[in-house]
C-alpha atoms as a PDB file:
ATOM      1  CA  UNK A   1     -35.859   3.251   5.068  1.00  0.00           C
ATOM      2  CA  UNK A   2     -32.528   4.858   5.939  1.00  0.00           C
ATOM      3  CA  UNK A   3     -29.775   3.529   3.675  1.00  0.00           C
ATOM      4  CA  UNK A   4     -26.974   4.784   5.904  1.00  0.00           C
ATOM      5  CA  UNK A   5     -25.430   2.596   8.640  1.00  0.00           C
ATOM      6  CA  UNK A   6     -26.979   2.877  12.082  1.00  0.00           C
ATOM      7  CA  UNK A   7     -24.664   4.446  14.668  1.00  0.00           C
ATOM      8  CA  UNK A   8     -25.148   3.519  18.316  1.00  0.00           C
ATOM      9  CA  UNK A   9     -24.229   6.172  20.872  1.00  0.00           C
ATOM     10  CA  UNK A  10     -23.979   4.765  24.403  1.00  0.00           C
ATOM     11  CA  UNK A  11     -23.642   7.386  27.118  1.00  0.00           C
ATOM     12  CA  UNK A  12     -23.351   6.636  30.835  1.00  0.00           C
ATOM     13  CA  UNK A  13     -24.192   9.548  33.122  1.00  0.00           C
ATOM     14  CA  UNK A  14     -23.969  10.259  36.829  1.00  0.00           C
ATOM     15  CA  UNK A  15     -25.398  13.545  38.152  1.00  0.00           C
ATOM     16  CA  UNK A  16     -25.267  15.392  34.852  1.00  0.00           C
ATOM     17  CA  UNK A  17     -27.939  18.044  35.281  1.00  0.00           C
ATOM     18  CA  UNK A  18     -25.456  20.901  34.818  1.00  0.00           C
ATOM     19  CA  UNK A  19     -24.365  19.885  31.324  1.00  0.00           C
ATOM     20  CA  UNK A  20     -26.928  17.456  29.874  1.00  0.00           C
ATOM     21  CA  UNK A  21     -28.756  20.112  27.848  1.00  0.00           C
ATOM     22  CA  UNK A  22     -25.486  20.950  26.117  1.00  0.00           C
ATOM     23  CA  UNK A  23     -24.744  17.305  25.398  1.00  0.00           C
ATOM     24  CA  UNK A  24     -28.201  16.470  24.076  1.00  0.00           C
ATOM     25  CA  UNK A  25     -28.134  19.506  21.809  1.00  0.00           C
ATOM     26  CA  UNK A  26     -24.887  18.236  20.315  1.00  0.00           C
ATOM     27  CA  UNK A  27     -26.680  14.978  19.477  1.00  0.00           C
ATOM     28  CA  UNK A  28     -29.679  16.770  17.983  1.00  0.00           C
ATOM     29  CA  UNK A  29     -27.369  18.973  15.891  1.00  0.00           C
ATOM     30  CA  UNK A  30     -25.597  16.062  14.217  1.00  0.00           C
ATOM     31  CA  UNK A  31     -25.594  16.222  10.421  1.00  0.00           C
ATOM     32  CA  UNK A  32     -25.779  12.422  10.431  1.00  0.00           C
ATOM     33  CA  UNK A  33     -29.327  11.232  11.082  1.00  0.00           C
ATOM     34  CA  UNK A  34     -29.360   7.436  11.523  1.00  0.00           C
ATOM     35  CA  UNK A  35     -28.526   7.349  15.230  1.00  0.00           C
ATOM     36  CA  UNK A  36     -29.712   5.403  18.241  1.00  0.00           C
ATOM     37  CA  UNK A  37     -28.910   7.014  21.587  1.00  0.00           C
ATOM     38  CA  UNK A  38     -28.736   4.691  24.573  1.00  0.00           C
ATOM     39  CA  UNK A  39     -28.559   6.778  27.716  1.00  0.00           C
ATOM     40  CA  UNK A  40     -27.768   5.005  30.998  1.00  0.00           C
ATOM     41  CA  UNK A  41     -28.464   6.908  34.208  1.00  0.00           C
ATOM     42  CA  UNK A  42     -25.915   5.536  36.669  1.00  0.00           C
ATOM     43  CA  UNK A  43     -27.827   6.177  39.881  1.00  0.00           C
ATOM     44  CA  UNK A  44     -27.962   9.972  39.630  1.00  0.00           C
ATOM     45  CA  UNK A  45     -29.451  11.843  42.566  1.00  0.00           C
ATOM     46  CA  UNK A  46     -30.106  15.083  40.703  1.00  0.00           C
ATOM     47  CA  UNK A  47     -32.398  16.011  37.802  1.00  0.00           C
ATOM     48  CA  UNK A  48     -30.607  13.809  35.260  1.00  0.00           C
ATOM     49  CA  UNK A  49     -33.649  11.582  34.694  1.00  0.00           C
ATOM     50  CA  UNK A  50     -36.172  14.377  34.170  1.00  0.00           C
ATOM     51  CA  UNK A  51     -33.842  16.242  31.811  1.00  0.00           C
ATOM     52  CA  UNK A  52     -33.103  13.115  29.775  1.00  0.00           C
ATOM     53  CA  UNK A  53     -36.755  12.147  29.451  1.00  0.00           C
ATOM     54  CA  UNK A  54     -37.718  15.684  28.474  1.00  0.00           C
ATOM     55  CA  UNK A  55     -35.692  15.246  25.270  1.00  0.00           C
ATOM     56  CA  UNK A  56     -37.431  12.047  24.157  1.00  0.00           C
ATOM     57  CA  UNK A  57     -39.872  13.819  21.820  1.00  0.00           C
ATOM     58  CA  UNK A  58     -37.156  15.996  20.301  1.00  0.00           C
ATOM     59  CA  UNK A  59     -35.083  12.928  19.505  1.00  0.00           C
ATOM     60  CA  UNK A  60     -38.082  11.159  17.994  1.00  0.00           C
ATOM     61  CA  UNK A  61     -38.906  14.229  15.897  1.00  0.00           C
ATOM     62  CA  UNK A  62     -35.327  14.208  14.653  1.00  0.00           C
ATOM     63  CA  UNK A  63     -35.553  10.509  13.764  1.00  0.00           C
ATOM     64  CA  UNK A  64     -33.138   9.490  16.522  1.00  0.00           C
ATOM     65  CA  UNK A  65     -34.015   6.368  18.469  1.00  0.00           C
ATOM     66  CA  UNK A  66     -33.786   7.097  22.208  1.00  0.00           C
ATOM     67  CA  UNK A  67     -33.461   4.426  24.880  1.00  0.00           C
ATOM     68  CA  UNK A  68     -33.319   5.421  28.542  1.00  0.00           C
ATOM     69  CA  UNK A  69     -32.217   3.062  31.307  1.00  0.00           C
ATOM     70  CA  UNK A  70     -31.651   3.587  35.031  1.00  0.00           C
ATOM     71  CA  UNK A  71     -29.367   1.550  37.269  1.00  0.00           C
ATOM     72  CA  UNK A  72     -28.129   1.901  40.832  1.00  0.00           C
ATOM     73  CA  UNK A  73     -24.765   3.662  40.876  1.00  0.00           C
ATOM     74  CA  UNK A  74     -22.079   1.185  39.834  1.00  0.00           C
ATOM     75  CA  UNK A  75     -19.688   3.202  37.659  1.00  0.00           C
ATOM     76  CA  UNK A  76     -19.259   4.021  33.978  1.00  0.00           C
ATOM     77  CA  UNK A  77     -18.089   0.574  32.913  1.00  0.00           C
ATOM     78  CA  UNK A  78     -21.098  -1.088  34.497  1.00  0.00           C
ATOM     79  CA  UNK A  79     -23.387   1.429  32.791  1.00  0.00           C
ATOM     80  CA  UNK A  80     -21.663   0.781  29.472  1.00  0.00           C
ATOM     81  CA  UNK A  81     -22.210  -2.958  29.953  1.00  0.00           C
ATOM     82  CA  UNK A  82     -25.925  -2.297  30.172  1.00  0.00           C
ATOM     83  CA  UNK A  83     -25.790  -0.335  26.927  1.00  0.00           C
ATOM     84  CA  UNK A  84     -23.748  -3.028  25.175  1.00  0.00           C
ATOM     85  CA  UNK A  85     -26.611  -5.457  25.714  1.00  0.00           C
ATOM     86  CA  UNK A  86     -28.992  -3.098  23.919  1.00  0.00           C
ATOM     87  CA  UNK A  87     -27.183  -1.553  20.954  1.00  0.00           C
ATOM     88  CA  UNK A  88     -27.987  -2.431  17.353  1.00  0.00           C
ATOM     89  CA  UNK A  89     -25.758  -0.166  15.290  1.00  0.00           C
ATOM     90  CA  UNK A  90     -23.145  -1.030  12.715  1.00  0.00           C
ATOM     91  CA  UNK A  91     -20.888   1.498  14.418  1.00  0.00           C
ATOM     92  CA  UNK A  92     -20.464   2.292  18.098  1.00  0.00           C
ATOM     93  CA  UNK A  93     -19.278   5.361  19.994  1.00  0.00           C
ATOM     94  CA  UNK A  94     -19.472   6.109  23.727  1.00  0.00           C
ATOM     95  CA  UNK A  95     -18.966   9.824  24.507  1.00  0.00           C
ATOM     96  CA  UNK A  96     -19.074  11.223  28.024  1.00  0.00           C
ATOM     97  CA  UNK A  97     -22.202  13.155  28.899  1.00  0.00           C
ATOM     98  CA  UNK A  98     -20.263  16.333  29.703  1.00  0.00           C
ATOM     99  CA  UNK A  99     -18.460  16.469  26.358  1.00  0.00           C
ATOM    100  CA  UNK A 100     -19.574  18.030  23.090  1.00  0.00           C
ATOM    101  CA  UNK A 101     -19.346  16.618  19.580  1.00  0.00           C
ATOM    102  CA  UNK A 102     -18.985  18.876  16.577  1.00  0.00           C
ATOM    103  CA  UNK A 103     -22.070  18.855  14.355  1.00  0.00           C
ATOM    104  CA  UNK A 104     -20.306  16.681  11.764  1.00  0.00           C
ATOM    105  CA  UNK A 105     -18.521  14.393  14.249  1.00  0.00           C
ATOM    106  CA  UNK A 106     -20.538  11.242  13.584  1.00  0.00           C
ATOM    107  CA  UNK A 107     -20.867  11.886   9.858  1.00  0.00           C
ATOM    108  CA  UNK A 108     -17.109  12.230   9.351  1.00  0.00           C
ATOM    109  CA  UNK A 109     -16.249   9.186  11.450  1.00  0.00           C
ATOM    110  CA  UNK A 110     -18.737   7.006   9.582  1.00  0.00           C
ATOM    111  CA  UNK A 111     -17.462   8.315   6.247  1.00  0.00           C
ATOM    112  CA  UNK A 112     -13.887   7.534   7.275  1.00  0.00           C
ATOM    113  CA  UNK A 113     -14.634   3.956   8.332  1.00  0.00           C
ATOM    114  CA  UNK A 114     -16.807   3.359   5.269  1.00  0.00           C
ATOM    115  CA  UNK A 115     -13.919   4.513   3.067  1.00  0.00           C
ATOM    116  CA  UNK A 116     -11.282   2.553   4.999  1.00  0.00           C
ATOM    117  CA  UNK A 117     -12.417  -1.028   5.643  1.00  0.00           C
ATOM    118  CA  UNK A 118      -8.884  -1.932   6.709  1.00  0.00           C
ATOM    119  CA  UNK A 119      -9.452  -0.187  10.057  1.00  0.00           C
ATOM    120  CA  UNK A 120     -11.498  -1.662  12.894  1.00  0.00           C
ATOM    121  CA  UNK A 121     -11.870   1.689  14.629  1.00  0.00           C
ATOM    122  CA  UNK A 122     -10.887   5.309  14.316  1.00  0.00           C
ATOM    123  CA  UNK A 123      -9.949   8.238  16.526  1.00  0.00           C
ATOM    124  CA  UNK A 124     -10.160  11.972  15.956  1.00  0.00           C
ATOM    125  CA  UNK A 125      -8.468  14.907  17.612  1.00  0.00           C
ATOM    126  CA  UNK A 126     -10.127  16.428  20.661  1.00  0.00           C
ATOM    127  CA  UNK A 127      -9.864  19.861  22.219  1.00  0.00           C
ATOM    128  CA  UNK A 128     -10.275  20.679  25.891  1.00  0.00           C
ATOM    129  CA  UNK A 129     -12.449  23.392  27.358  1.00  0.00           C
ATOM    130  CA  UNK A 130     -12.995  24.500  30.933  1.00  0.00           C
ATOM    131  CA  UNK A 131     -16.506  24.170  32.277  1.00  0.00           C
ATOM    132  CA  UNK A 132     -18.163  27.563  31.898  1.00  0.00           C
ATOM    133  CA  UNK A 133     -15.830  28.780  29.149  1.00  0.00           C
ATOM    134  CA  UNK A 134     -16.586  29.187  25.467  1.00  0.00           C
ATOM    135  CA  UNK A 135     -16.257  25.894  23.646  1.00  0.00           C
ATOM    136  CA  UNK A 136     -13.546  25.930  21.007  1.00  0.00           C
ATOM    137  CA  UNK A 137     -12.135  29.349  21.866  1.00  0.00           C
ATOM    138  CA  UNK A 138      -9.068  28.108  23.676  1.00  0.00           C
ATOM    139  CA  UNK A 139      -7.985  24.783  25.012  1.00  0.00           C
ATOM    140  CA  UNK A 140      -5.409  22.101  24.393  1.00  0.00           C
ATOM    141  CA  UNK A 141      -5.453  19.791  21.399  1.00  0.00           C
ATOM    142  CA  UNK A 142      -5.358  16.180  22.539  1.00  0.00           C
ATOM    143  CA  UNK A 143      -4.323  13.691  19.919  1.00  0.00           C
ATOM    144  CA  UNK A 144      -2.496  10.482  19.345  1.00  0.00           C
ATOM    145  CA  UNK A 145       0.261  10.821  16.757  1.00  0.00           C
ATOM    146  CA  UNK A 146       0.031   7.864  14.358  1.00  0.00           C
ATOM    147  CA  UNK A 147       3.183   5.917  13.633  1.00  0.00           C
ATOM    148  CA  UNK A 148       4.122   3.797  10.640  1.00  0.00           C
ATOM    149  CA  UNK A 149       4.095   0.703  12.829  1.00  0.00           C
ATOM    150  CA  UNK A 150       1.305   1.647  15.210  1.00  0.00           C
ATOM    151  CA  UNK A 151       1.771   0.110  18.695  1.00  0.00           C
ATOM    152  CA  UNK A 152      -1.727   1.066  19.804  1.00  0.00           C
ATOM    153  CA  UNK A 153      -2.272  -2.026  21.939  1.00  0.00           C
ATOM    154  CA  UNK A 154       1.112  -1.738  23.656  1.00  0.00           C
ATOM    155  CA  UNK A 155       0.639   1.989  24.226  1.00  0.00           C
ATOM    156  CA  UNK A 156      -2.669   1.316  25.969  1.00  0.00           C
ATOM    157  CA  UNK A 157      -0.786  -0.956  28.336  1.00  0.00           C
ATOM    158  CA  UNK A 158       1.806   1.769  28.906  1.00  0.00           C
ATOM    159  CA  UNK A 159      -0.852   4.466  29.467  1.00  0.00           C
ATOM    160  CA  UNK A 160       0.530   6.402  26.512  1.00  0.00           C
ATOM    161  CA  UNK A 161      -2.720   6.779  24.606  1.00  0.00           C
ATOM    162  CA  UNK A 162      -5.483   9.344  24.826  1.00  0.00           C
ATOM    163  CA  UNK A 163      -8.424   8.310  26.972  1.00  0.00           C
ATOM    164  CA  UNK A 164     -11.253  10.468  25.701  1.00  0.00           C
ATOM    165  CA  UNK A 165     -14.313   8.343  24.937  1.00  0.00           C
ATOM    166  CA  UNK A 166     -15.861  10.750  22.437  1.00  0.00           C
ATOM    167  CA  UNK A 167     -12.794  10.579  20.202  1.00  0.00           C
ATOM    168  CA  UNK A 168     -13.432   6.980  19.145  1.00  0.00           C
ATOM    169  CA  UNK A 169     -15.764   5.124  16.852  1.00  0.00           C
ATOM    170  CA  UNK A 170     -15.588   1.324  16.550  1.00  0.00           C
ATOM    171  CA  UNK A 171     -17.072  -1.132  14.106  1.00  0.00           C
ATOM    172  CA  UNK A 172     -19.644  -3.178  15.970  1.00  0.00           C
ATOM    173  CA  UNK A 173     -18.368  -6.293  14.213  1.00  0.00           C
ATOM    174  CA  UNK A 174     -14.946  -5.698  15.804  1.00  0.00           C
ATOM    175  CA  UNK A 175     -16.499  -5.321  19.255  1.00  0.00           C
ATOM    176  CA  UNK A 176     -18.587  -8.478  18.884  1.00  0.00           C
ATOM    177  CA  UNK A 177     -15.645 -10.508  17.619  1.00  0.00           C
ATOM    178  CA  UNK A 178     -13.243  -9.441  20.367  1.00  0.00           C
ATOM    179  CA  UNK A 179     -15.781  -9.180  23.219  1.00  0.00           C
ATOM    180  CA  UNK A 180     -18.272 -11.870  22.180  1.00  0.00           C
ATOM    181  CA  UNK A 181     -20.292 -11.811  25.394  1.00  0.00           C
ATOM    182  CA  UNK A 182     -20.444  -7.983  25.265  1.00  0.00           C
ATOM    183  CA  UNK A 183     -19.399  -7.823  28.896  1.00  0.00           C
ATOM    184  CA  UNK A 184     -16.419  -5.713  29.969  1.00  0.00           C
ATOM    185  CA  UNK A 185     -14.758  -5.618  33.373  1.00  0.00           C
ATOM    186  CA  UNK A 186     -16.842  -3.265  35.476  1.00  0.00           C
ATOM    187  CA  UNK A 187     -14.252  -2.012  37.947  1.00  0.00           C
ATOM    188  CA  UNK A 188     -14.426   1.705  38.604  1.00  0.00           C
ATOM    189  CA  UNK A 189     -12.016   3.944  36.791  1.00  0.00           C
ATOM    190  CA  UNK A 190     -13.277   4.210  33.248  1.00  0.00           C
ATOM    191  CA  UNK A 191     -14.367   2.057  30.358  1.00  0.00           C
ATOM    192  CA  UNK A 192     -12.054   2.843  27.450  1.00  0.00           C
ATOM    193  CA  UNK A 193      -9.352   0.285  28.171  1.00  0.00           C
ATOM    194  CA  UNK A 194     -11.824  -2.581  28.512  1.00  0.00           C
ATOM    195  CA  UNK A 195     -13.184  -1.868  25.028  1.00  0.00           C
ATOM    196  CA  UNK A 196     -10.047  -0.743  23.237  1.00  0.00           C
ATOM    197  CA  UNK A 197      -7.546  -3.360  24.457  1.00  0.00           C
ATOM    198  CA  UNK A 198      -9.382  -6.299  22.853  1.00  0.00           C
ATOM    199  CA  UNK A 199     -10.237  -4.358  19.689  1.00  0.00           C
ATOM    200  CA  UNK A 200      -6.737  -2.914  19.210  1.00  0.00           C
ATOM    201  CA  UNK A 201      -5.127  -6.341  19.685  1.00  0.00           C
ATOM    202  CA  UNK A 202      -6.811  -7.571  16.476  1.00  0.00           C
ATOM    203  CA  UNK A 203      -7.616  -4.412  14.513  1.00  0.00           C
ATOM    204  CA  UNK A 204      -5.775  -1.336  13.291  1.00  0.00           C
ATOM    205  CA  UNK A 205      -6.770   2.207  14.208  1.00  0.00           C
ATOM    206  CA  UNK A 206      -7.425   4.900  11.643  1.00  0.00           C
ATOM    207  CA  UNK A 207      -6.706   8.564  12.358  1.00  0.00           C
ATOM    208  CA  UNK A 208      -8.840  11.563  11.496  1.00  0.00           C
ATOM    209  CA  UNK A 209      -6.680  14.692  11.468  1.00  0.00           C
ATOM    210  CA  UNK A 210      -9.425  16.989  12.677  1.00  0.00           C
ATOM    211  CA  UNK A 211     -10.984  18.140  15.958  1.00  0.00           C
ATOM    212  CA  UNK A 212     -14.414  16.510  16.126  1.00  0.00           C
ATOM    213  CA  UNK A 213     -14.849  16.365  19.884  1.00  0.00           C
ATOM    214  CA  UNK A 214     -14.585  18.825  22.762  1.00  0.00           C
ATOM    215  CA  UNK A 215     -13.495  17.440  26.102  1.00  0.00           C
ATOM    216  CA  UNK A 216     -14.802  19.156  29.211  1.00  0.00           C
ATOM    217  CA  UNK A 217     -12.493  19.707  32.178  1.00  0.00           C
ATOM    218  CA  UNK A 218     -14.375  20.211  35.420  1.00  0.00           C
ATOM    219  CA  UNK A 219     -12.819  20.936  38.797  1.00  0.00           C
ATOM    220  CA  UNK A 220     -14.766  18.150  40.475  1.00  0.00           C
ATOM    221  CA  UNK A 221     -14.377  15.549  37.715  1.00  0.00           C
ATOM    222  CA  UNK A 222     -12.835  12.228  38.718  1.00  0.00           C
ATOM    223  CA  UNK A 223     -10.197  12.190  36.005  1.00  0.00           C
ATOM    224  CA  UNK A 224      -8.838  15.612  36.977  1.00  0.00           C
ATOM    225  CA  UNK A 225      -9.000  15.359  40.755  1.00  0.00           C
ATOM    226  CA  UNK A 226      -6.002  13.063  41.102  1.00  0.00           C
ATOM    227  CA  UNK A 227      -3.449  15.829  41.506  1.00  0.00           C
ATOM    228  CA  UNK A 228      -1.603  14.483  44.560  1.00  0.00           C
ATOM    229  CA  UNK A 229       0.716  11.443  44.594  1.00  0.00           C
ATOM    230  CA  UNK A 230      -1.595   9.342  46.782  1.00  0.00           C
ATOM    231  CA  UNK A 231      -4.519   9.935  44.428  1.00  0.00           C
ATOM    232  CA  UNK A 232      -2.401   9.201  41.369  1.00  0.00           C
ATOM    233  CA  UNK A 233      -1.228   5.999  43.012  1.00  0.00           C
ATOM    234  CA  UNK A 234      -4.796   4.936  43.746  1.00  0.00           C
ATOM    235  CA  UNK A 235      -5.781   5.674  40.154  1.00  0.00           C
ATOM    236  CA  UNK A 236      -2.834   3.658  38.858  1.00  0.00           C
ATOM    237  CA  UNK A 237      -3.730   0.662  41.024  1.00  0.00           C
ATOM    238  CA  UNK A 238      -7.303   0.781  39.689  1.00  0.00           C
ATOM    239  CA  UNK A 239      -6.014   1.002  36.120  1.00  0.00           C
ATOM    240  CA  UNK A 240      -3.785  -2.014  36.716  1.00  0.00           C
ATOM    241  CA  UNK A 241      -6.765  -4.031  37.950  1.00  0.00           C
ATOM    242  CA  UNK A 242      -8.722  -3.092  34.835  1.00  0.00           C
ATOM    243  CA  UNK A 243      -5.857  -4.084  32.525  1.00  0.00           C
ATOM    244  CA  UNK A 244      -5.265  -7.363  34.373  1.00  0.00           C
ATOM    245  CA  UNK A 245      -8.939  -8.350  34.240  1.00  0.00           C
ATOM    246  CA  UNK A 246      -9.239  -7.368  30.570  1.00  0.00           C
ATOM    247  CA  UNK A 247      -6.112  -9.301  29.535  1.00  0.00           C
ATOM    248  CA  UNK A 248      -7.433 -12.383  31.314  1.00  0.00           C
ATOM    249  CA  UNK A 249     -10.751 -12.066  29.478  1.00  0.00           C
ATOM    250  CA  UNK A 250      -8.843 -12.019  26.192  1.00  0.00           C
ATOM    251  CA  UNK A 251      -7.528 -15.565  26.699  1.00  0.00           C
ATOM    252  CA  UNK A 252      -4.454 -17.459  27.851  1.00  0.00           C
ATOM    253  CA  UNK A 253      -2.276 -16.546  24.877  1.00  0.00           C
ATOM    254  CA  UNK A 254      -2.620 -12.822  25.520  1.00  0.00           C
ATOM    255  CA  UNK A 255      -2.427 -13.218  29.306  1.00  0.00           C
ATOM    256  CA  UNK A 256       0.790 -15.269  29.149  1.00  0.00           C
ATOM    257  CA  UNK A 257       2.521 -12.756  26.898  1.00  0.00           C
ATOM    258  CA  UNK A 258       1.441  -9.440  28.383  1.00  0.00           C
ATOM    259  CA  UNK A 259       0.239  -9.784  31.979  1.00  0.00           C
ATOM    260  CA  UNK A 260       3.567 -10.023  33.845  1.00  0.00           C
ATOM    261  CA  UNK A 261       5.317  -7.277  31.816  1.00  0.00           C
ATOM    262  CA  UNK A 262       2.304  -5.035  32.389  1.00  0.00           C
ATOM    263  CA  UNK A 263       2.287  -5.679  36.139  1.00  0.00           C
ATOM    264  CA  UNK A 264       6.032  -4.982  36.297  1.00  0.00           C
ATOM    265  CA  UNK A 265       5.555  -1.741  34.378  1.00  0.00           C
ATOM    266  CA  UNK A 266       2.830  -0.598  36.772  1.00  0.00           C
ATOM    267  CA  UNK A 267       4.991  -1.722  39.684  1.00  0.00           C
ATOM    268  CA  UNK A 268       7.710   0.716  38.642  1.00  0.00           C
ATOM    269  CA  UNK A 269       5.177   3.504  38.130  1.00  0.00           C
ATOM    270  CA  UNK A 270       3.495   2.821  41.467  1.00  0.00           C
ATOM    271  CA  UNK A 271       6.838   2.935  43.255  1.00  0.00           C
ATOM    272  CA  UNK A 272       7.581   6.282  41.605  1.00  0.00           C
ATOM    273  CA  UNK A 273       4.261   7.694  42.826  1.00  0.00           C
ATOM    274  CA  UNK A 274       4.928   6.359  46.306  1.00  0.00           C
ATOM    275  CA  UNK A 275       8.293   8.151  46.295  1.00  0.00           C
ATOM    276  CA  UNK A 276       6.562  11.374  45.291  1.00  0.00           C
ATOM    277  CA  UNK A 277       4.205  11.023  48.258  1.00  0.00           C
ATOM    278  CA  UNK A 278       7.159  10.832  50.691  1.00  0.00           C
ATOM    279  CA  UNK A 279       5.006   8.418  52.704  1.00  0.00           C
ATOM    280  CA  UNK A 280       7.360   5.785  54.099  1.00  0.00           C
ATOM    281  CA  UNK A 281       4.598   3.202  54.503  1.00  0.00           C
ATOM    282  CA  UNK A 282       3.534   3.579  50.866  1.00  0.00           C
ATOM    283  CA  UNK A 283       7.150   3.458  49.690  1.00  0.00           C
ATOM    284  CA  UNK A 284       7.747   0.249  51.655  1.00  0.00           C
ATOM    285  CA  UNK A 285       4.516  -1.300  50.361  1.00  0.00           C
ATOM    286  CA  UNK A 286       5.276  -0.569  46.731  1.00  0.00           C
ATOM    287  CA  UNK A 287       8.879  -1.688  47.096  1.00  0.00           C
ATOM    288  CA  UNK A 288       7.642  -5.020  48.440  1.00  0.00           C
ATOM    289  CA  UNK A 289       5.372  -5.253  45.399  1.00  0.00           C
ATOM    290  CA  UNK A 290       8.416  -4.793  43.144  1.00  0.00           C
ATOM    291  CA  UNK A 291      10.214  -7.551  45.028  1.00  0.00           C
ATOM    292  CA  UNK A 292       7.275  -9.910  44.523  1.00  0.00           C
ATOM    293  CA  UNK A 293       7.368  -9.092  40.813  1.00  0.00           C
ATOM    294  CA  UNK A 294      11.160  -9.705  40.703  1.00  0.00           C
ATOM    295  CA  UNK A 295      11.863  -6.433  38.923  1.00  0.00           C
ATOM    296  CA  UNK A 296      13.627  -4.163  41.452  1.00  0.00           C
ATOM    297  CA  UNK A 297      16.268  -2.014  39.781  1.00  0.00           C
ATOM    298  CA  UNK A 298      19.476  -0.900  41.482  1.00  0.00           C
ATOM    299  CA  UNK A 299      18.223   2.700  41.485  1.00  0.00           C
ATOM    300  CA  UNK A 300      14.911   1.692  43.070  1.00  0.00           C
ATOM    301  CA  UNK A 301      16.714  -0.262  45.750  1.00  0.00           C
ATOM    302  CA  UNK A 302      18.900   2.739  46.564  1.00  0.00           C
ATOM    303  CA  UNK A 303      15.898   5.075  46.679  1.00  0.00           C
ATOM    304  CA  UNK A 304      14.016   2.688  48.953  1.00  0.00           C
ATOM    305  CA  UNK A 305      16.826   2.590  51.503  1.00  0.00           C
ATOM    306  CA  UNK A 306      17.232   6.357  51.303  1.00  0.00           C
ATOM    307  CA  UNK A 307      13.567   7.380  51.488  1.00  0.00           C
ATOM    308  CA  UNK A 308      11.989   4.613  53.594  1.00  0.00           C
ATOM    309  CA  UNK A 309      14.817   3.332  55.727  1.00  0.00           C
ATOM    310  CA  UNK A 310      16.897   6.504  56.003  1.00  0.00           C
ATOM    311  CA  UNK A 311      20.214   4.957  55.082  1.00  0.00           C
END
């Protein structure tokens, strides 16, 4: 019997045939052995299923429990919801299927949380790499700088945190206490906020000052294709919907305190993206949204009349 805590790894995947071998090898290479991998195929139309199933025996030989599930394409959050109904571990992590963990990633995160019971979850540094390039050779370090009074929850609302799934590990007890029905909002646009907002509202985050995860940047990836104002605006609107739904799931006390300020914050950001687009219809739409939220600034009013009205 394994005396180390079970770690659940939930990984949603859509059309991952180009990088799944790399990801599965990073699981097999882990120095930590007590792992259950729950792999959710989110309606892939490529060879994702055959590749995933071809690794079943290797995982079993390694002592890793492997669960495969298929669902019609519904997005990462929906796929994660499926995995949340199945996991059994004392710790939970949810890396993307195109990222790579260092061999000691899981071991060091478990060791950190075991040594620091005051933290409900932890985050490590990550390093980017371009698809097709050598992992770890170059790339940008992505990290969240801890502060003495850590406003993790508020920073999530302000989109000031890192959003790299593989960087996090959460105590399952924290997830079950803050999301008791194990059901997150399944709107498209990611799954980190839905998990981390409830957890970070009640628990502190611990920081591992080490790169334990490599984050792949692909030209056709969703998170890096929003390089024009209209796309950024669409992404921001989706993020706002996710935050609004998650805050409401957290209860009236949280909703009453944070929902309106969050919507006003996103209103200002959306108006700024609309200005960048130079699309008069978008500028007028987002200005009206600011009016409905009763948060128009003098500068925003002047910019509206200049850019949309021409005065």
